[in-house]
Amino acid sequence: MFSKERLYNELLQSTNMTAVELRAWLRTDIAPITVANYKDAPSLDQSNRLLMILMKSTDELTKTDCFFIQSILQRIKYLKNNRSTDRYARLDWENSLRNLGYDIKKQVKTIKKAKAYY
């Protein structure tokens, strides 16, 4: 069926915001506006539930938490693949991902490694 550890690790890899960062974001005035403006935005209830899950350990996860994590992972994947082509909706698309714990501006940049000389 599913492994709690695998699902939780996949969630942590799919999100790049900590629980503290997500909580701070959800407390801003912008997060609820995004839900109203962007049709694919997650509800604030979903975002708050995700926050509660991120604060749990894998032992504390319930079966319903695991199903919720699966739906959130699908939603993150969907939003990443379907960015808005409209300029005015781009910010709402980014904020929708932030409501799910993924900040576009925090994407890992590749670091050029120094060449080793032998």
PDB file of N, CA and C in Angstrom:
ATOM      1  N   MET A   1       0.826  -1.180   0.000  1.00  0.00           N
ATOM      2  CA  MET A   1       0.000   0.000   0.000  1.00  0.00           C
ATOM      3  C   MET A   1       0.876   1.252   0.000  1.00  0.00           C
ATOM      4  N   PHE A   2       1.316   1.729   1.136  1.00  0.00           N
ATOM      5  CA  PHE A   2       2.230   2.858   1.165  1.00  0.00           C
ATOM      6  C   PHE A   2       3.075   2.811   2.425  1.00  0.00           C
ATOM      7  N   SER A   3       4.217   3.408   2.322  1.00  0.00           N
ATOM      8  CA  SER A   3       5.127   3.491   3.460  1.00  0.00           C
ATOM      9  C   SER A   3       5.087   4.922   3.984  1.00  0.00           C
ATOM     10  N   LYS A   4       4.841   5.069   5.269  1.00  0.00           N
ATOM     11  CA  LYS A   4       4.777   6.410   5.855  1.00  0.00           C
ATOM     12  C   LYS A   4       6.083   7.163   5.648  1.00  0.00           C
ATOM     13  N   GLU A   5       7.194   6.460   5.873  1.00  0.00           N
ATOM     14  CA  GLU A   5       8.498   7.112   5.736  1.00  0.00           C
ATOM     15  C   GLU A   5       8.745   7.568   4.310  1.00  0.00           C
ATOM     16  N   ARG A   6       8.411   6.710   3.340  1.00  0.00           N
ATOM     17  CA  ARG A   6       8.618   7.054   1.935  1.00  0.00           C
ATOM     18  C   ARG A   6       7.761   8.255   1.543  1.00  0.00           C
ATOM     19  N   LEU A   7       6.498   8.242   1.937  1.00  0.00           N
ATOM     20  CA  LEU A   7       5.604   9.350   1.614  1.00  0.00           C
ATOM     21  C   LEU A   7       6.059  10.651   2.257  1.00  0.00           C
ATOM     22  N   TYR A   8       6.434  10.573   3.510  1.00  0.00           N
ATOM     23  CA  TYR A   8       6.863  11.775   4.231  1.00  0.00           C
ATOM     24  C   TYR A   8       8.149  12.328   3.623  1.00  0.00           C
ATOM     25  N   ASN A   9       9.086  11.449   3.277  1.00  0.00           N
ATOM     26  CA  ASN A   9      10.326  11.902   2.639  1.00  0.00           C
ATOM     27  C   ASN A   9      10.048  12.507   1.267  1.00  0.00           C
ATOM     28  N   GLU A  10       9.112  11.919   0.527  1.00  0.00           N
ATOM     29  CA  GLU A  10       8.752  12.468  -0.780  1.00  0.00           C
ATOM     30  C   GLU A  10       8.113  13.851  -0.625  1.00  0.00           C
ATOM     31  N   LEU A  11       7.309  14.009   0.423  1.00  0.00           N
ATOM     32  CA  LEU A  11       6.716  15.315   0.698  1.00  0.00           C
ATOM     33  C   LEU A  11       7.799  16.342   1.029  1.00  0.00           C
ATOM     34  N   LEU A  12       8.754  15.946   1.850  1.00  0.00           N
ATOM     35  CA  LEU A  12       9.837  16.867   2.213  1.00  0.00           C
ATOM     36  C   LEU A  12      10.691  17.234   1.005  1.00  0.00           C
ATOM     37  N   GLN A  13      10.846  16.296   0.066  1.00  0.00           N
ATOM     38  CA  GLN A  13      11.620  16.584  -1.143  1.00  0.00           C
ATOM     39  C   GLN A  13      10.831  17.465  -2.112  1.00  0.00           C
ATOM     40  N   SER A  14       9.507  17.330  -2.103  1.00  0.00           N
ATOM     41  CA  SER A  14       8.671  18.122  -3.010  1.00  0.00           C
ATOM     42  C   SER A  14       8.458  19.542  -2.516  1.00  0.00           C
ATOM     43  N   THR A  15       8.584  19.739  -1.226  1.00  0.00           N
ATOM     44  CA  THR A  15       8.441  21.084  -0.669  1.00  0.00           C
ATOM     45  C   THR A  15       9.825  21.594  -0.302  1.00  0.00           C
ATOM     46  N   ASN A  16      10.017  22.879  -0.434  1.00  0.00           N
ATOM     47  CA  ASN A  16      11.326  23.427  -0.058  1.00  0.00           C
ATOM     48  C   ASN A  16      11.203  24.499   1.024  1.00  0.00           C
ATOM     49  N   MET A  17      10.030  24.574   1.634  1.00  0.00           N
ATOM     50  CA  MET A  17       9.832  25.498   2.747  1.00  0.00           C
ATOM     51  C   MET A  17       9.708  24.681   4.031  1.00  0.00           C
ATOM     52  N   THR A  18      10.267  25.204   5.098  1.00  0.00           N
ATOM     53  CA  THR A  18      10.118  24.545   6.388  1.00  0.00           C
ATOM     54  C   THR A  18       8.720  24.853   6.926  1.00  0.00           C
ATOM     55  N   ALA A  19       8.344  24.159   7.974  1.00  0.00           N
ATOM     56  CA  ALA A  19       7.037  24.400   8.588  1.00  0.00           C
ATOM     57  C   ALA A  19       6.934  25.838   9.095  1.00  0.00           C
ATOM     58  N   VAL A  20       8.025  26.362   9.608  1.00  0.00           N
ATOM     59  CA  VAL A  20       8.042  27.747  10.112  1.00  0.00           C
ATOM     60  C   VAL A  20       7.841  28.733   8.960  1.00  0.00           C
ATOM     61  N   GLU A  21       8.514  28.499   7.834  1.00  0.00           N
ATOM     62  CA  GLU A  21       8.368  29.382   6.679  1.00  0.00           C
ATOM     63  C   GLU A  21       6.951  29.316   6.115  1.00  0.00           C
ATOM     64  N   LEU A  22       6.396  28.101   6.040  1.00  0.00           N
ATOM     65  CA  LEU A  22       5.039  27.940   5.528  1.00  0.00           C
ATOM     66  C   LEU A  22       4.039  28.630   6.442  1.00  0.00           C
ATOM     67  N   ARG A  23       4.218  28.481   7.741  1.00  0.00           N
ATOM     68  CA  ARG A  23       3.318  29.133   8.695  1.00  0.00           C
ATOM     69  C   ARG A  23       3.384  30.644   8.544  1.00  0.00           C
ATOM     70  N   ALA A  24       4.585  31.187   8.409  1.00  0.00           N
ATOM     71  CA  ALA A  24       4.742  32.633   8.232  1.00  0.00           C
ATOM     72  C   ALA A  24       4.068  33.087   6.935  1.00  0.00           C
ATOM     73  N   TRP A  25       4.213  32.306   5.872  1.00  0.00           N
ATOM     74  CA  TRP A  25       3.589  32.654   4.592  1.00  0.00           C
ATOM     75  C   TRP A  25       2.069  32.637   4.707  1.00  0.00           C
ATOM     76  N   LEU A  26       1.521  31.622   5.357  1.00  0.00           N
ATOM     77  CA  LEU A  26       0.069  31.512   5.471  1.00  0.00           C
ATOM     78  C   LEU A  26      -0.532  32.623   6.332  1.00  0.00           C
ATOM     79  N   ARG A  27       0.272  33.254   7.159  1.00  0.00           N
ATOM     80  CA  ARG A  27      -0.207  34.343   8.015  1.00  0.00           C
ATOM     81  C   ARG A  27      -0.173  35.698   7.291  1.00  0.00           C
ATOM     82  N   THR A  28       0.378  35.740   6.092  1.00  0.00           N
ATOM     83  CA  THR A  28       0.417  36.998   5.341  1.00  0.00           C
ATOM     84  C   THR A  28      -0.960  37.298   4.754  1.00  0.00           C
ATOM     85  N   ASP A  29      -1.121  38.511   4.266  1.00  0.00           N
ATOM     86  CA  ASP A  29      -2.378  38.907   3.635  1.00  0.00           C
ATOM     87  C   ASP A  29      -2.490  38.383   2.209  1.00  0.00           C
ATOM     88  N   ILE A  30      -1.392  37.968   1.624  1.00  0.00           N
ATOM     89  CA  ILE A  30      -1.377  37.553   0.223  1.00  0.00           C
ATOM     90  C   ILE A  30      -1.920  36.136   0.039  1.00  0.00           C
ATOM     91  N   ALA A  31      -1.662  35.240   0.975  1.00  0.00           N
ATOM     92  CA  ALA A  31      -2.079  33.838   0.828  1.00  0.00           C
ATOM     93  C   ALA A  31      -3.582  33.689   0.579  1.00  0.00           C
ATOM     94  N   PRO A  32      -4.474  34.347   1.339  1.00  0.00           N
ATOM     95  CA  PRO A  32      -5.907  34.195   1.041  1.00  0.00           C
ATOM     96  C   PRO A  32      -6.333  34.828  -0.284  1.00  0.00           C
ATOM     97  N   ILE A  33      -5.640  35.881  -0.694  1.00  0.00           N
ATOM     98  CA  ILE A  33      -5.969  36.522  -1.976  1.00  0.00           C
ATOM     99  C   ILE A  33      -5.680  35.567  -3.122  1.00  0.00           C
ATOM    100  N   THR A  34      -4.602  34.811  -3.009  1.00  0.00           N
ATOM    101  CA  THR A  34      -4.236  33.846  -4.044  1.00  0.00           C
ATOM    102  C   THR A  34      -5.336  32.813  -4.215  1.00  0.00           C
ATOM    103  N   VAL A  35      -5.885  32.339  -3.114  1.00  0.00           N
ATOM    104  CA  VAL A  35      -6.953  31.337  -3.178  1.00  0.00           C
ATOM    105  C   VAL A  35      -8.149  31.904  -3.925  1.00  0.00           C
ATOM    106  N   ALA A  36      -8.442  33.180  -3.720  1.00  0.00           N
ATOM    107  CA  ALA A  36      -9.587  33.802  -4.379  1.00  0.00           C
ATOM    108  C   ALA A  36      -9.328  34.063  -5.858  1.00  0.00           C
ATOM    109  N   ASN A  37      -8.069  34.347  -6.218  1.00  0.00           N
ATOM    110  CA  ASN A  37      -7.756  34.750  -7.592  1.00  0.00           C
ATOM    111  C   ASN A  37      -7.423  33.607  -8.539  1.00  0.00           C
ATOM    112  N   TYR A  38      -6.869  32.513  -8.041  1.00  0.00           N
ATOM    113  CA  TYR A  38      -6.344  31.473  -8.922  1.00  0.00           C
ATOM    114  C   TYR A  38      -7.168  30.207  -8.756  1.00  0.00           C
ATOM    115  N   LYS A  39      -7.750  29.729  -9.855  1.00  0.00           N
ATOM    116  CA  LYS A  39      -8.693  28.613  -9.765  1.00  0.00           C
ATOM    117  C   LYS A  39      -8.058  27.317  -9.281  1.00  0.00           C
ATOM    118  N   ASP A  40      -6.779  27.112  -9.505  1.00  0.00           N
ATOM    119  CA  ASP A  40      -6.107  25.877  -9.084  1.00  0.00           C
ATOM    120  C   ASP A  40      -5.431  26.000  -7.721  1.00  0.00           C
ATOM    121  N   ALA A  41      -5.633  27.105  -7.061  1.00  0.00           N
ATOM    122  CA  ALA A  41      -4.987  27.316  -5.759  1.00  0.00           C
ATOM    123  C   ALA A  41      -5.595  26.389  -4.710  1.00  0.00           C
ATOM    124  N   PRO A  42      -4.766  25.855  -3.822  1.00  0.00           N
ATOM    125  CA  PRO A  42      -5.294  25.027  -2.734  1.00  0.00           C
ATOM    126  C   PRO A  42      -6.034  25.907  -1.727  1.00  0.00           C
ATOM    127  N   SER A  43      -7.009  25.348  -1.061  1.00  0.00           N
ATOM    128  CA  SER A  43      -7.724  26.127  -0.050  1.00  0.00           C
ATOM    129  C   SER A  43      -6.804  26.343   1.149  1.00  0.00           C
ATOM    130  N   LEU A  44      -7.126  27.333   1.942  1.00  0.00           N
ATOM    131  CA  LEU A  44      -6.317  27.598   3.131  1.00  0.00           C
ATOM    132  C   LEU A  44      -6.444  26.458   4.138  1.00  0.00           C
ATOM    133  N   ASP A  45      -7.581  25.757   4.130  1.00  0.00           N
ATOM    134  CA  ASP A  45      -7.728  24.587   5.005  1.00  0.00           C
ATOM    135  C   ASP A  45      -6.717  23.510   4.627  1.00  0.00           C
ATOM    136  N   GLN A  46      -6.540  23.300   3.318  1.00  0.00           N
ATOM    137  CA  GLN A  46      -5.553  22.320   2.864  1.00  0.00           C
ATOM    138  C   GLN A  46      -4.148  22.756   3.244  1.00  0.00           C
ATOM    139  N   SER A  47      -3.860  24.026   3.087  1.00  0.00           N
ATOM    140  CA  SER A  47      -2.530  24.533   3.428  1.00  0.00           C
ATOM    141  C   SER A  47      -2.258  24.399   4.926  1.00  0.00           C
ATOM    142  N   ASN A  48      -3.248  24.703   5.738  1.00  0.00           N
ATOM    143  CA  ASN A  48      -3.074  24.566   7.190  1.00  0.00           C
ATOM    144  C   ASN A  48      -2.945  23.107   7.610  1.00  0.00           C
ATOM    145  N   ARG A  49      -3.662  22.234   6.931  1.00  0.00           N
ATOM    146  CA  ARG A  49      -3.535  20.799   7.224  1.00  0.00           C
ATOM    147  C   ARG A  49      -2.140  20.296   6.844  1.00  0.00           C
ATOM    148  N   LEU A  50      -1.634  20.772   5.706  1.00  0.00           N
ATOM    149  CA  LEU A  50      -0.272  20.427   5.303  1.00  0.00           C
ATOM    150  C   LEU A  50       0.731  20.910   6.340  1.00  0.00           C
ATOM    151  N   LEU A  51       0.518  22.096   6.862  1.00  0.00           N
ATOM    152  CA  LEU A  51       1.388  22.642   7.905  1.00  0.00           C
ATOM    153  C   LEU A  51       1.396  21.730   9.127  1.00  0.00           C
ATOM    154  N   MET A  52       0.230  21.265   9.539  1.00  0.00           N
ATOM    155  CA  MET A  52       0.145  20.369  10.694  1.00  0.00           C
ATOM    156  C   MET A  52       0.876  19.052  10.427  1.00  0.00           C
ATOM    157  N   ILE A  53       0.787  18.551   9.211  1.00  0.00           N
ATOM    158  CA  ILE A  53       1.472  17.309   8.850  1.00  0.00           C
ATOM    159  C   ILE A  53       2.984  17.515   8.857  1.00  0.00           C
ATOM    160  N   LEU A  54       3.434  18.661   8.362  1.00  0.00           N
ATOM    161  CA  LEU A  54       4.876  18.930   8.342  1.00  0.00           C
ATOM    162  C   LEU A  54       5.451  19.023   9.751  1.00  0.00           C
ATOM    163  N   MET A  55       4.619  19.350  10.722  1.00  0.00           N
ATOM    164  CA  MET A  55       5.098  19.454  12.098  1.00  0.00           C
ATOM    165  C   MET A  55       5.057  18.107  12.825  1.00  0.00           C
ATOM    166  N   LYS A  56       4.507  17.088  12.183  1.00  0.00           N
ATOM    167  CA  LYS A  56       4.440  15.760  12.802  1.00  0.00           C
ATOM    168  C   LYS A  56       5.682  14.947  12.448  1.00  0.00           C
ATOM    169  N   SER A  57       5.917  13.910  13.226  1.00  0.00           N
ATOM    170  CA  SER A  57       6.952  12.942  12.861  1.00  0.00           C
ATOM    171  C   SER A  57       6.276  11.816  12.083  1.00  0.00           C
ATOM    172  N   THR A  58       7.054  10.960  11.472  1.00  0.00           N
ATOM    173  CA  THR A  58       6.468   9.880  10.671  1.00  0.00           C
ATOM    174  C   THR A  58       5.656   8.912  11.526  1.00  0.00           C
ATOM    175  N   ASP A  59       6.019   8.747  12.772  1.00  0.00           N
ATOM    176  CA  ASP A  59       5.270   7.843  13.655  1.00  0.00           C
ATOM    177  C   ASP A  59       3.873   8.373  13.957  1.00  0.00           C
ATOM    178  N   GLU A  60       3.707   9.677  13.925  1.00  0.00           N
ATOM    179  CA  GLU A  60       2.429  10.291  14.254  1.00  0.00           C
ATOM    180  C   GLU A  60       1.458  10.359  13.072  1.00  0.00           C
ATOM    181  N   LEU A  61       1.931  10.032  11.878  1.00  0.00           N
ATOM    182  CA  LEU A  61       1.074  10.118  10.699  1.00  0.00           C
ATOM    183  C   LEU A  61      -0.016   9.060  10.735  1.00  0.00           C
ATOM    184  N   THR A  62      -1.220   9.469  10.377  1.00  0.00           N
ATOM    185  CA  THR A  62      -2.342   8.537  10.302  1.00  0.00           C
ATOM    186  C   THR A  62      -2.550   8.127   8.843  1.00  0.00           C
ATOM    187  N   LYS A  63      -3.468   7.213   8.644  1.00  0.00           N
ATOM    188  CA  LYS A  63      -3.776   6.756   7.292  1.00  0.00           C
ATOM    189  C   LYS A  63      -4.365   7.904   6.463  1.00  0.00           C
ATOM    190  N   THR A  64      -5.230   8.704   7.073  1.00  0.00           N
ATOM    191  CA  THR A  64      -5.808   9.842   6.345  1.00  0.00           C
ATOM    192  C   THR A  64      -4.742  10.888   6.026  1.00  0.00           C
ATOM    193  N   ASP A  65      -3.754  11.051   6.912  1.00  0.00           N
ATOM    194  CA  ASP A  65      -2.635  11.957   6.615  1.00  0.00           C
ATOM    195  C   ASP A  65      -1.885  11.489   5.378  1.00  0.00           C
ATOM    196  N   CYS A  66      -1.670  10.192   5.277  1.00  0.00           N
ATOM    197  CA  CYS A  66      -0.936   9.641   4.132  1.00  0.00           C
ATOM    198  C   CYS A  66      -1.707   9.844   2.830  1.00  0.00           C
ATOM    199  N   PHE A  67      -3.024   9.651   2.875  1.00  0.00           N
ATOM    200  CA  PHE A  67      -3.837   9.913   1.679  1.00  0.00           C
ATOM    201  C   PHE A  67      -3.801  11.393   1.321  1.00  0.00           C
ATOM    202  N   PHE A  68      -3.821  12.250   2.325  1.00  0.00           N
ATOM    203  CA  PHE A  68      -3.744  13.691   2.088  1.00  0.00           C
ATOM    204  C   PHE A  68      -2.389  14.059   1.482  1.00  0.00           C
ATOM    205  N   ILE A  69      -1.319  13.454   1.982  1.00  0.00           N
ATOM    206  CA  ILE A  69       0.014  13.712   1.429  1.00  0.00           C
ATOM    207  C   ILE A  69       0.062  13.325  -0.041  1.00  0.00           C
ATOM    208  N   GLN A  70      -0.538  12.186  -0.390  1.00  0.00           N
ATOM    209  CA  GLN A  70      -0.562  11.763  -1.788  1.00  0.00           C
ATOM    210  C   GLN A  70      -1.283  12.793  -2.657  1.00  0.00           C
ATOM    211  N   SER A  71      -2.397  13.318  -2.162  1.00  0.00           N
ATOM    212  CA  SER A  71      -3.132  14.313  -2.956  1.00  0.00           C
ATOM    213  C   SER A  71      -2.340  15.610  -3.075  1.00  0.00           C
ATOM    214  N   ILE A  72      -1.638  15.996  -2.020  1.00  0.00           N
ATOM    215  CA  ILE A  72      -0.822  17.209  -2.065  1.00  0.00           C
ATOM    216  C   ILE A  72       0.344  17.032  -3.044  1.00  0.00           C
ATOM    217  N   LEU A  73       0.959  15.862  -3.042  1.00  0.00           N
ATOM    218  CA  LEU A  73       2.059  15.604  -3.979  1.00  0.00           C
ATOM    219  C   LEU A  73       1.572  15.703  -5.419  1.00  0.00           C
ATOM    220  N   GLN A  74       0.374  15.188  -5.686  1.00  0.00           N
ATOM    221  CA  GLN A  74      -0.186  15.293  -7.035  1.00  0.00           C
ATOM    222  C   GLN A  74      -0.484  16.744  -7.387  1.00  0.00           C
ATOM    223  N   ARG A  75      -0.983  17.501  -6.412  1.00  0.00           N
ATOM    224  CA  ARG A  75      -1.299  18.906  -6.658  1.00  0.00           C
ATOM    225  C   ARG A  75      -0.037  19.712  -6.942  1.00  0.00           C
ATOM    226  N   ILE A  76       1.028  19.462  -6.186  1.00  0.00           N
ATOM    227  CA  ILE A  76       2.292  20.163  -6.419  1.00  0.00           C
ATOM    228  C   ILE A  76       2.823  19.838  -7.815  1.00  0.00           C
ATOM    229  N   LYS A  77       2.792  18.559  -8.165  1.00  0.00           N
ATOM    230  CA  LYS A  77       3.259  18.145  -9.484  1.00  0.00           C
ATOM    231  C   LYS A  77       2.436  18.798 -10.591  1.00  0.00           C
ATOM    232  N   TYR A  78       1.120  18.844 -10.394  1.00  0.00           N
ATOM    233  CA  TYR A  78       0.230  19.464 -11.375  1.00  0.00           C
ATOM    234  C   TYR A  78       0.541  20.948 -11.532  1.00  0.00           C
ATOM    235  N   LEU A  79       0.674  21.650 -10.416  1.00  0.00           N
ATOM    236  CA  LEU A  79       0.948  23.088 -10.489  1.00  0.00           C
ATOM    237  C   LEU A  79       2.308  23.392 -11.102  1.00  0.00           C
ATOM    238  N   LYS A  80       3.302  22.565 -10.799  1.00  0.00           N
ATOM    239  CA  LYS A  80       4.625  22.789 -11.383  1.00  0.00           C
ATOM    240  C   LYS A  80       4.592  22.620 -12.898  1.00  0.00           C
ATOM    241  N   ASN A  81       3.813  21.658 -13.374  1.00  0.00           N
ATOM    242  CA  ASN A  81       3.758  21.382 -14.809  1.00  0.00           C
ATOM    243  C   ASN A  81       2.835  22.318 -15.574  1.00  0.00           C
ATOM    244  N   ASN A  82       1.887  22.933 -14.903  1.00  0.00           N
ATOM    245  CA  ASN A  82       0.896  23.765 -15.581  1.00  0.00           C
ATOM    246  C   ASN A  82       0.988  25.213 -15.147  1.00  0.00           C
ATOM    247  N   ARG A  83       2.101  25.837 -15.457  1.00  0.00           N
ATOM    248  CA  ARG A  83       2.202  27.245 -15.107  1.00  0.00           C
ATOM    249  C   ARG A  83       1.300  28.055 -16.014  1.00  0.00           C
ATOM    250  N   SER A  84       0.871  29.132 -15.486  1.00  0.00           N
ATOM    251  CA  SER A  84      -0.033  30.003 -16.217  1.00  0.00           C
ATOM    252  C   SER A  84       0.726  30.727 -17.321  1.00  0.00           C
ATOM    253  N   THR A  85       0.102  30.801 -18.482  1.00  0.00           N
ATOM    254  CA  THR A  85       0.714  31.535 -19.591  1.00  0.00           C
ATOM    255  C   THR A  85       0.350  33.011 -19.530  1.00  0.00           C
ATOM    256  N   ASP A  86      -0.672  33.334 -18.750  1.00  0.00           N
ATOM    257  CA  ASP A  86      -1.076  34.730 -18.605  1.00  0.00           C
ATOM    258  C   ASP A  86      -0.133  35.441 -17.645  1.00  0.00           C
ATOM    259  N   ARG A  87       0.327  36.605 -18.033  1.00  0.00           N
ATOM    260  CA  ARG A  87       1.267  37.348 -17.190  1.00  0.00           C
ATOM    261  C   ARG A  87       0.645  37.736 -15.863  1.00  0.00           C
ATOM    262  N   TYR A  88      -0.629  38.119 -15.878  1.00  0.00           N
ATOM    263  CA  TYR A  88      -1.263  38.589 -14.654  1.00  0.00           C
ATOM    264  C   TYR A  88      -1.492  37.445 -13.662  1.00  0.00           C
ATOM    265  N   ALA A  89      -1.549  36.206 -14.151  1.00  0.00           N
ATOM    266  CA  ALA A  89      -1.806  35.068 -13.269  1.00  0.00           C
ATOM    267  C   ALA A  89      -0.513  34.389 -12.791  1.00  0.00           C
ATOM    268  N   ARG A  90       0.625  34.811 -13.295  1.00  0.00           N
ATOM    269  CA  ARG A  90       1.885  34.166 -12.917  1.00  0.00           C
ATOM    270  C   ARG A  90       2.162  34.296 -11.420  1.00  0.00           C
ATOM    271  N   LEU A  91       1.929  35.456 -10.854  1.00  0.00           N
ATOM    272  CA  LEU A  91       2.169  35.655  -9.426  1.00  0.00           C
ATOM    273  C   LEU A  91       1.217  34.779  -8.602  1.00  0.00           C
ATOM    274  N   ASP A  92      -0.029  34.665  -9.030  1.00  0.00           N
ATOM    275  CA  ASP A  92      -0.976  33.804  -8.325  1.00  0.00           C
ATOM    276  C   ASP A  92      -0.563  32.340  -8.434  1.00  0.00           C
ATOM    277  N   TRP A  93       0.013  31.946  -9.561  1.00  0.00           N
ATOM    278  CA  TRP A  93       0.510  30.577  -9.731  1.00  0.00           C
ATOM    279  C   TRP A  93       1.656  30.321  -8.751  1.00  0.00           C
ATOM    280  N   GLU A  94       2.586  31.270  -8.659  1.00  0.00           N
ATOM    281  CA  GLU A  94       3.706  31.129  -7.720  1.00  0.00           C
ATOM    282  C   GLU A  94       3.216  31.077  -6.278  1.00  0.00           C
ATOM    283  N   ASN A  95       2.259  31.918  -5.945  1.00  0.00           N
ATOM    284  CA  ASN A  95       1.733  31.943  -4.587  1.00  0.00           C
ATOM    285  C   ASN A  95       0.931  30.692  -4.262  1.00  0.00           C
ATOM    286  N   SER A  96       0.305  30.089  -5.266  1.00  0.00           N
ATOM    287  CA  SER A  96      -0.399  28.823  -5.048  1.00  0.00           C
ATOM    288  C   SER A  96       0.587  27.730  -4.660  1.00  0.00           C
ATOM    289  N   LEU A  97       1.733  27.724  -5.314  1.00  0.00           N
ATOM    290  CA  LEU A  97       2.772  26.763  -4.941  1.00  0.00           C
ATOM    291  C   LEU A  97       3.310  27.062  -3.549  1.00  0.00           C
ATOM    292  N   ARG A  98       3.421  28.337  -3.207  1.00  0.00           N
ATOM    293  CA  ARG A  98       3.862  28.702  -1.853  1.00  0.00           C
ATOM    294  C   ARG A  98       2.863  28.216  -0.809  1.00  0.00           C
ATOM    295  N   ASN A  99       1.574  28.265  -1.143  1.00  0.00           N
ATOM    296  CA  ASN A  99       0.555  27.762  -0.215  1.00  0.00           C
ATOM    297  C   ASN A  99       0.713  26.271   0.036  1.00  0.00           C
ATOM    298  N   LEU A 100       1.403  25.578  -0.871  1.00  0.00           N
ATOM    299  CA  LEU A 100       1.676  24.147  -0.714  1.00  0.00           C
ATOM    300  C   LEU A 100       3.095  23.888  -0.219  1.00  0.00           C
ATOM    301  N   GLY A 101       3.806  24.921   0.163  1.00  0.00           N
ATOM    302  CA  GLY A 101       5.132  24.737   0.741  1.00  0.00           C
ATOM    303  C   GLY A 101       6.271  24.714  -0.256  1.00  0.00           C
ATOM    304  N   TYR A 102       6.034  25.150  -1.487  1.00  0.00           N
ATOM    305  CA  TYR A 102       7.097  25.178  -2.487  1.00  0.00           C
ATOM    306  C   TYR A 102       7.273  26.607  -2.980  1.00  0.00           C
ATOM    307  N   ASP A 103       8.433  27.159  -2.730  1.00  0.00           N
ATOM    308  CA  ASP A 103       8.731  28.526  -3.142  1.00  0.00           C
ATOM    309  C   ASP A 103       9.612  28.490  -4.381  1.00  0.00           C
ATOM    310  N   ILE A 104       9.091  29.024  -5.480  1.00  0.00           N
ATOM    311  CA  ILE A 104       9.812  29.041  -6.755  1.00  0.00           C
ATOM    312  C   ILE A 104      11.137  29.783  -6.625  1.00  0.00           C
ATOM    313  N   LYS A 105      11.148  30.838  -5.854  1.00  0.00           N
ATOM    314  CA  LYS A 105      12.342  31.665  -5.745  1.00  0.00           C
ATOM    315  C   LYS A 105      13.443  31.023  -4.928  1.00  0.00           C
ATOM    316  N   LYS A 106      13.111  29.922  -4.242  1.00  0.00           N
ATOM    317  CA  LYS A 106      14.121  29.210  -3.451  1.00  0.00           C
ATOM    318  C   LYS A 106      14.678  27.998  -4.186  1.00  0.00           C
ATOM    319  N   GLN A 107      14.392  27.870  -5.465  1.00  0.00           N
ATOM    320  CA  GLN A 107      14.866  26.708  -6.209  1.00  0.00           C
ATOM    321  C   GLN A 107      16.377  26.583  -6.072  1.00  0.00           C
ATOM    322  N   VAL A 108      16.804  25.359  -5.979  1.00  0.00           N
ATOM    323  CA  VAL A 108      18.226  25.095  -5.818  1.00  0.00           C
ATOM    324  C   VAL A 108      18.944  25.435  -7.115  1.00  0.00           C
ATOM    325  N   LYS A 109      19.928  26.273  -6.996  1.00  0.00           N
ATOM    326  CA  LYS A 109      20.728  26.637  -8.158  1.00  0.00           C
ATOM    327  C   LYS A 109      21.930  25.707  -8.218  1.00  0.00           C
ATOM    328  N   THR A 110      22.259  25.300  -9.418  1.00  0.00           N
ATOM    329  CA  THR A 110      23.394  24.411  -9.572  1.00  0.00           C
ATOM    330  C   THR A 110      24.682  25.173  -9.294  1.00  0.00           C
ATOM    331  N   ILE A 111      25.529  24.561  -8.524  1.00  0.00           N
ATOM    332  CA  ILE A 111      26.806  25.173  -8.168  1.00  0.00           C
ATOM    333  C   ILE A 111      27.878  24.557  -9.060  1.00  0.00           C
ATOM    334  N   LYS A 112      28.635  25.419  -9.694  1.00  0.00           N
ATOM    335  CA  LYS A 112      29.704  24.919 -10.555  1.00  0.00           C
ATOM    336  C   LYS A 112      30.843  24.426  -9.675  1.00  0.00           C
ATOM    337  N   LYS A 113      31.232  23.203  -9.908  1.00  0.00           N
ATOM    338  CA  LYS A 113      32.322  22.630  -9.133  1.00  0.00           C
ATOM    339  C   LYS A 113      33.656  23.028  -9.782  1.00  0.00           C
ATOM    340  N   ALA A 114      34.606  23.255  -8.925  1.00  0.00           N
ATOM    341  CA  ALA A 114      35.941  23.586  -9.425  1.00  0.00           C
ATOM    342  C   ALA A 114      36.578  22.330 -10.008  1.00  0.00           C
ATOM    343  N   LYS A 115      37.259  22.505 -11.110  1.00  0.00           N
ATOM    344  CA  LYS A 115      37.914  21.353 -11.745  1.00  0.00           C
ATOM    345  C   LYS A 115      39.125  20.949 -10.923  1.00  0.00           C
ATOM    346  N   ALA A 116      39.231  19.675 -10.756  1.00  0.00           N
ATOM    347  CA  ALA A 116      40.396  19.159 -10.017  1.00  0.00           C
ATOM    348  C   ALA A 116      41.555  18.980 -10.997  1.00  0.00           C
ATOM    349  N   TYR A 117      42.711  19.402 -10.595  1.00  0.00           N
ATOM    350  CA  TYR A 117      43.886  19.264 -11.446  1.00  0.00           C
ATOM    351  C   TYR A 117      44.754  18.158 -10.884  1.00  0.00           C
ATOM    352  N   TYR A 118      45.060  17.210 -11.734  1.00  0.00           N
ATOM    353  CA  TYR A 118      45.884  16.062 -11.317  1.00  0.00           C
ATOM    354  C   TYR A 118      47.235  16.105 -11.925  1.00  0.00           C
TER     355      TYR A 118
END
